[in-house]
Amino acid sequence: MIYYFSGTGNSAWVARMLADATADRCEDMSTYLKNGWHPPPLVPGERLGLVFPVHAWRPPRVVLDFINQLPPPSEESYVFAVCTMGGFAGNTFSFLRQFIRLDSCYSVLMPENYILLAGRESDAQIKHKITAAKALIPKIAASILAGKKAFLVKRGLLPSFFTGCIGALFNWRVNDRKFHTTAKCNGCGTCAGLCPLSNISLDNGQPKWQGNCIHCMACLQRCPQQAIEYGKITLSRKRYVFPDSC
């Protein structure tokens, strides 16, 4: 079984590609979290995969919440994790190992999607990264099928600093106070349906953020009307969602 978390579609695509290559199933962690469901125990010897984006060089909080509900895999189960990232992973997996045993770890470079740092990359950059990921995923799948104890991760420079210090600062400071809608909002409710933490409610057709946000940016990036902004920083920045054509 492969469980994934995805804000703009990068990790969902990687999870599905891996599931196809390994003849496995994949399911969205958010479905379990939003409905209060608990994942079923693994069949003895069943593989367990976790696919998620890096948030400030750490696993997103929702991934840790999901793992805390996951029945511990037996020693016979092969457990792997794959992170998607815009640059490098830092010590994401060292952090994750505090919560779950891992046999192998992998990172996949994908288009940048944290709009507070930068807007959408060029079409050429996006195509280049996705093409490279398409070539890498079969190699990761082969390693998983062989049950290898692998660590194929781009950690980058100063991984302890980025995961330990910047990651801690991000989680301390992250909030939703600057989210707002423009006149383009038509009250469709897509944002509320997308939020993995059910942090958005509709008040007279207008979204309201409730103070429990991890900055996955699914609401802002995937709004059909591009009507959600974060302060003034996103006003001129193009949105990114994993392209349907890939």
Protein backbone atom coordinates (compact mmCIF):
# COMPACT_ATOMS: atom_id res chain seq x y z
CA MET A 1 0.00 0.00 0.00
CA ILE A 2 1.18 3.51 -0.87
CA TYR A 3 -0.24 6.48 1.01
CA TYR A 4 0.38 9.99 -0.26
CA PHE A 5 -0.21 13.59 0.68
CA SER A 6 -0.26 16.23 -2.05
CA GLY A 7 -1.17 19.91 -2.21
CA THR A 8 -0.75 20.77 -5.88
CA GLY A 9 -0.47 17.29 -7.41
CA ASN A 10 3.29 16.61 -7.54
CA SER A 11 3.32 13.91 -4.87
CA ALA A 12 0.01 12.44 -6.04
CA TRP A 13 1.50 11.94 -9.50
CA VAL A 14 4.67 10.34 -8.13
CA ALA A 15 2.61 8.02 -5.91
CA ARG A 16 0.44 6.91 -8.82
CA MET A 17 3.46 6.35 -11.06
CA LEU A 18 5.07 4.23 -8.35
CA ALA A 19 1.85 2.31 -7.74
CA ASP A 20 1.61 1.49 -11.44
CA ALA A 21 5.25 0.39 -11.56
CA THR A 22 5.01 -1.79 -8.44
CA ALA A 23 1.46 -3.12 -9.02
CA ASP A 24 0.45 -1.57 -5.72
CA ARG A 25 -2.49 0.51 -4.53
CA CYS A 26 -2.26 4.16 -3.52
CA GLU A 27 -4.59 6.25 -1.40
CA ASP A 28 -4.70 9.87 -0.26
CA MET A 29 -3.81 10.45 3.41
CA SER A 30 -6.13 13.47 3.44
CA THR A 31 -9.17 11.26 2.87
CA TYR A 32 -8.42 9.42 6.09
CA LEU A 33 -7.61 12.55 8.08
CA LYS A 34 -10.65 14.56 6.98
CA ASN A 35 -13.06 11.71 7.66
CA GLY A 36 -11.49 10.62 10.93
CA TRP A 37 -10.72 7.19 9.47
CA HIS A 38 -7.88 4.99 10.70
CA PRO A 39 -5.79 3.10 8.14
CA PRO A 40 -6.22 -0.67 8.32
CA PRO A 41 -3.35 -2.87 9.55
CA LEU A 42 -1.02 -4.14 6.87
CA VAL A 43 -1.24 -7.72 5.77
CA PRO A 44 1.85 -9.50 7.17
CA GLY A 45 4.75 -8.82 4.82
CA GLU A 46 2.84 -6.15 2.86
CA ARG A 47 4.89 -3.19 1.58
CA LEU A 48 4.19 0.25 2.98
CA GLY A 49 5.04 3.41 1.06
CA LEU A 50 4.72 7.06 2.06
CA VAL A 51 4.91 9.81 -0.57
CA PHE A 52 4.79 13.48 0.40
CA PRO A 53 6.22 16.94 -0.36
CA VAL A 54 8.95 18.52 1.73
CA HIS A 55 7.68 21.43 3.84
CA ALA A 56 10.59 23.56 5.04
CA TRP A 57 12.90 20.53 4.89
CA ARG A 58 10.62 18.41 7.05
CA PRO A 59 7.65 16.12 6.47
CA PRO A 60 4.35 18.07 6.57
CA ARG A 61 2.52 17.96 9.87
CA VAL A 62 -0.40 16.10 8.30
CA VAL A 63 1.95 13.26 7.29
CA LEU A 64 3.08 12.90 10.91
CA ASP A 65 -0.57 13.01 12.04
CA PHE A 66 -1.37 10.22 9.59
CA ILE A 67 1.59 8.11 10.71
CA ASN A 68 0.46 8.44 14.31
CA GLN A 69 -2.82 6.76 13.26
CA LEU A 70 -1.09 4.08 11.19
CA PRO A 71 -0.81 0.61 12.76
CA PRO A 72 2.94 -0.02 13.18
CA PRO A 73 4.27 -2.17 10.33
CA SER A 74 5.75 -5.51 11.30
CA GLU A 75 9.44 -6.24 10.88
CA GLU A 76 8.54 -8.38 7.85
CA SER A 77 7.04 -5.38 6.04
CA TYR A 78 9.26 -3.33 3.74
CA VAL A 79 8.74 0.36 4.47
CA PHE A 80 9.82 3.10 2.09
CA ALA A 81 9.29 6.83 1.79
CA VAL A 82 9.58 9.22 -1.16
CA CYS A 83 9.65 12.98 -0.84
CA THR A 84 9.07 15.48 -3.61
CA MET A 85 10.96 18.76 -3.42
CA GLY A 86 11.67 21.95 -5.31
CA GLY A 87 15.37 21.95 -4.41
CA PHE A 88 16.72 19.62 -1.72
CA ALA A 89 15.38 17.53 1.15
CA GLY A 90 17.66 18.35 4.05
CA ASN A 91 17.29 15.85 6.89
CA THR A 92 13.63 15.18 6.13
CA PHE A 93 14.05 11.44 6.52
CA SER A 94 16.11 11.63 9.70
CA PHE A 95 13.21 13.63 11.13
CA LEU A 96 10.66 11.14 9.79
CA ARG A 97 12.52 8.21 11.34
CA GLN A 98 11.52 9.55 14.76
CA PHE A 99 7.98 8.45 13.89
CA ILE A 100 8.30 5.33 11.75
CA ARG A 101 10.84 2.70 10.76
CA LEU A 102 12.13 3.16 7.21
CA ASP A 103 13.96 0.63 5.05
CA SER A 104 14.62 2.95 2.13
CA CYS A 105 14.28 6.63 1.27
CA TYR A 106 14.16 8.51 -2.03
CA SER A 107 13.79 12.09 -3.21
CA VAL A 108 12.32 13.31 -6.50
CA LEU A 109 12.92 16.82 -7.81
CA MET A 110 9.63 18.33 -8.99
CA PRO A 111 8.40 21.79 -10.07
CA GLU A 112 8.52 24.38 -7.30
CA ASN A 113 5.06 24.98 -5.80
CA TYR A 114 5.51 27.10 -2.66
CA ILE A 115 4.19 30.32 -4.12
CA LEU A 116 5.27 32.45 -1.16
CA LEU A 117 8.88 31.91 -2.26
CA ALA A 118 8.39 32.08 -6.01
CA GLY A 119 5.75 31.95 -8.70
CA ARG A 120 5.26 29.27 -11.29
CA GLU A 121 8.42 28.16 -13.07
CA SER A 122 8.64 28.44 -16.85
CA ASP A 123 7.00 25.76 -18.99
CA ALA A 124 10.48 24.62 -20.05
CA GLN A 125 11.64 24.21 -16.44
CA ILE A 126 8.49 22.32 -15.50
CA LYS A 127 8.81 20.01 -18.49
CA HIS A 128 12.49 19.37 -17.75
CA LYS A 129 11.82 18.41 -14.12
CA ILE A 130 8.87 16.16 -14.94
CA THR A 131 10.82 14.44 -17.74
CA ALA A 132 13.69 13.76 -15.32
CA ALA A 133 11.24 12.47 -12.70
CA LYS A 134 9.68 10.11 -15.26
CA ALA A 135 13.12 8.62 -15.86
CA LEU A 136 13.88 8.33 -12.13
CA ILE A 137 10.66 6.77 -10.89
CA PRO A 138 11.17 3.36 -12.62
CA LYS A 139 14.58 3.14 -10.94
CA ILE A 140 13.02 3.84 -7.56
CA ALA A 141 10.32 1.25 -8.30
CA ALA A 142 12.96 -1.35 -9.21
CA SER A 143 14.76 -0.69 -5.93
CA ILE A 144 11.50 -1.06 -4.01
CA LEU A 145 10.55 -4.29 -5.78
CA ALA A 146 14.01 -5.68 -4.98
CA GLY A 147 13.56 -4.75 -1.32
CA LYS A 148 16.80 -2.80 -1.28
CA LYS A 149 17.98 -0.82 1.74
CA ALA A 150 18.56 2.37 -0.22
CA PHE A 151 19.03 6.05 0.59
CA LEU A 152 18.87 7.98 -2.67
CA VAL A 153 18.19 11.48 -1.37
CA LYS A 154 19.48 14.91 -2.34
CA ARG A 155 20.03 16.36 1.12
CA GLY A 156 21.78 19.56 0.02
CA LEU A 157 24.24 21.64 2.03
CA LEU A 158 23.78 22.11 5.78
CA PRO A 159 20.87 19.66 6.06
CA SER A 160 20.83 19.77 9.86
CA PHE A 161 20.52 23.55 9.83
CA PHE A 162 17.68 23.63 7.32
CA THR A 163 15.67 20.82 8.93
CA GLY A 164 16.47 21.66 12.53
CA CYS A 165 16.42 25.46 12.51
CA ILE A 166 14.51 26.66 9.44
CA GLY A 167 12.02 23.82 9.73
CA ALA A 168 11.33 24.63 13.37
CA LEU A 169 10.97 28.35 12.60
CA PHE A 170 8.57 27.61 9.73
CA ASN A 171 6.34 25.43 11.89
CA TRP A 172 6.33 28.03 14.64
CA ARG A 173 5.50 30.96 12.36
CA VAL A 174 3.20 29.39 9.76
CA ASN A 175 -0.34 30.76 9.89
CA ASP A 176 -3.30 31.59 7.66
CA ARG A 177 -3.98 35.17 8.73
CA LYS A 178 -3.03 36.71 5.36
CA PHE A 179 -5.25 34.52 3.18
CA HIS A 180 -8.07 36.46 1.58
CA THR A 181 -10.30 36.36 -1.48
CA THR A 182 -10.74 38.87 -4.26
CA ALA A 183 -13.85 39.90 -6.15
CA LYS A 184 -13.26 36.93 -8.49
CA CYS A 185 -14.45 34.50 -5.79
CA ASN A 186 -17.78 32.92 -6.75
CA GLY A 187 -18.26 30.87 -3.58
CA CYS A 188 -17.76 27.51 -5.31
CA GLY A 189 -16.28 25.94 -2.14
CA THR A 190 -13.44 24.17 -3.94
CA CYS A 191 -10.95 25.50 -1.39
CA ALA A 192 -12.92 24.10 1.54
CA GLY A 193 -13.11 20.70 -0.13
CA LEU A 194 -9.39 20.65 -0.86
CA CYS A 195 -8.08 21.62 2.58
CA PRO A 196 -6.55 18.51 4.21
CA LEU A 197 -7.22 19.89 7.69
CA SER A 198 -10.80 21.08 7.03
CA ASN A 199 -9.46 24.52 7.97
CA ILE A 200 -11.68 26.45 5.55
CA SER A 201 -15.38 27.05 6.08
CA LEU A 202 -17.83 29.01 3.95
CA ASP A 203 -19.56 32.03 5.46
CA ASN A 204 -22.26 33.38 3.14
CA GLY A 205 -20.41 31.75 0.26
CA GLN A 206 -17.04 33.24 1.21
CA PRO A 207 -14.14 31.12 2.53
CA LYS A 208 -12.92 31.73 6.06
CA TRP A 209 -9.68 30.28 7.39
CA GLN A 210 -9.86 28.85 10.91
CA GLY A 211 -6.25 29.14 12.11
CA ASN A 212 -5.04 25.56 11.55
CA CYS A 213 -2.94 25.81 8.38
CA ILE A 214 0.23 24.07 7.16
CA HIS A 215 0.73 26.19 4.01
CA CYS A 216 0.22 23.34 1.56
CA MET A 217 -1.24 26.10 -0.65
CA ALA A 218 -3.79 23.75 -2.22
CA CYS A 219 -6.55 26.34 -1.73
CA LEU A 220 -4.62 29.17 -3.36
CA GLN A 221 -2.94 27.23 -6.16
CA ARG A 222 -6.01 25.22 -7.18
CA CYS A 223 -8.74 27.84 -6.90
CA PRO A 224 -10.58 27.65 -10.28
CA GLN A 225 -11.05 31.43 -10.31
CA GLN A 226 -7.56 32.27 -8.97
CA ALA A 227 -9.44 34.31 -6.40
CA ILE A 228 -7.34 33.47 -3.32
CA GLU A 229 -4.32 35.56 -2.36
CA TYR A 230 -1.87 35.63 0.55
CA GLY A 231 -1.35 39.24 1.53
CA LYS A 232 0.12 41.10 -1.41
CA ILE A 233 2.98 38.70 -2.14
CA THR A 234 0.98 36.43 -4.47
CA LEU A 235 -0.90 39.10 -6.42
CA SER A 236 1.37 38.97 -9.47
CA ARG A 237 2.54 35.37 -9.18
CA LYS A 238 1.37 32.64 -11.52
CA ARG A 239 -0.22 29.54 -10.02
CA TYR A 240 1.11 26.01 -10.33
CA VAL A 241 -0.85 22.76 -10.43
CA PHE A 242 0.62 19.54 -11.78
CA PRO A 243 -0.19 19.60 -15.51
CA ASP A 244 -2.94 17.22 -16.61
CA SER A 245 -1.09 16.57 -19.86
CA CYS A 246 1.73 14.67 -18.09
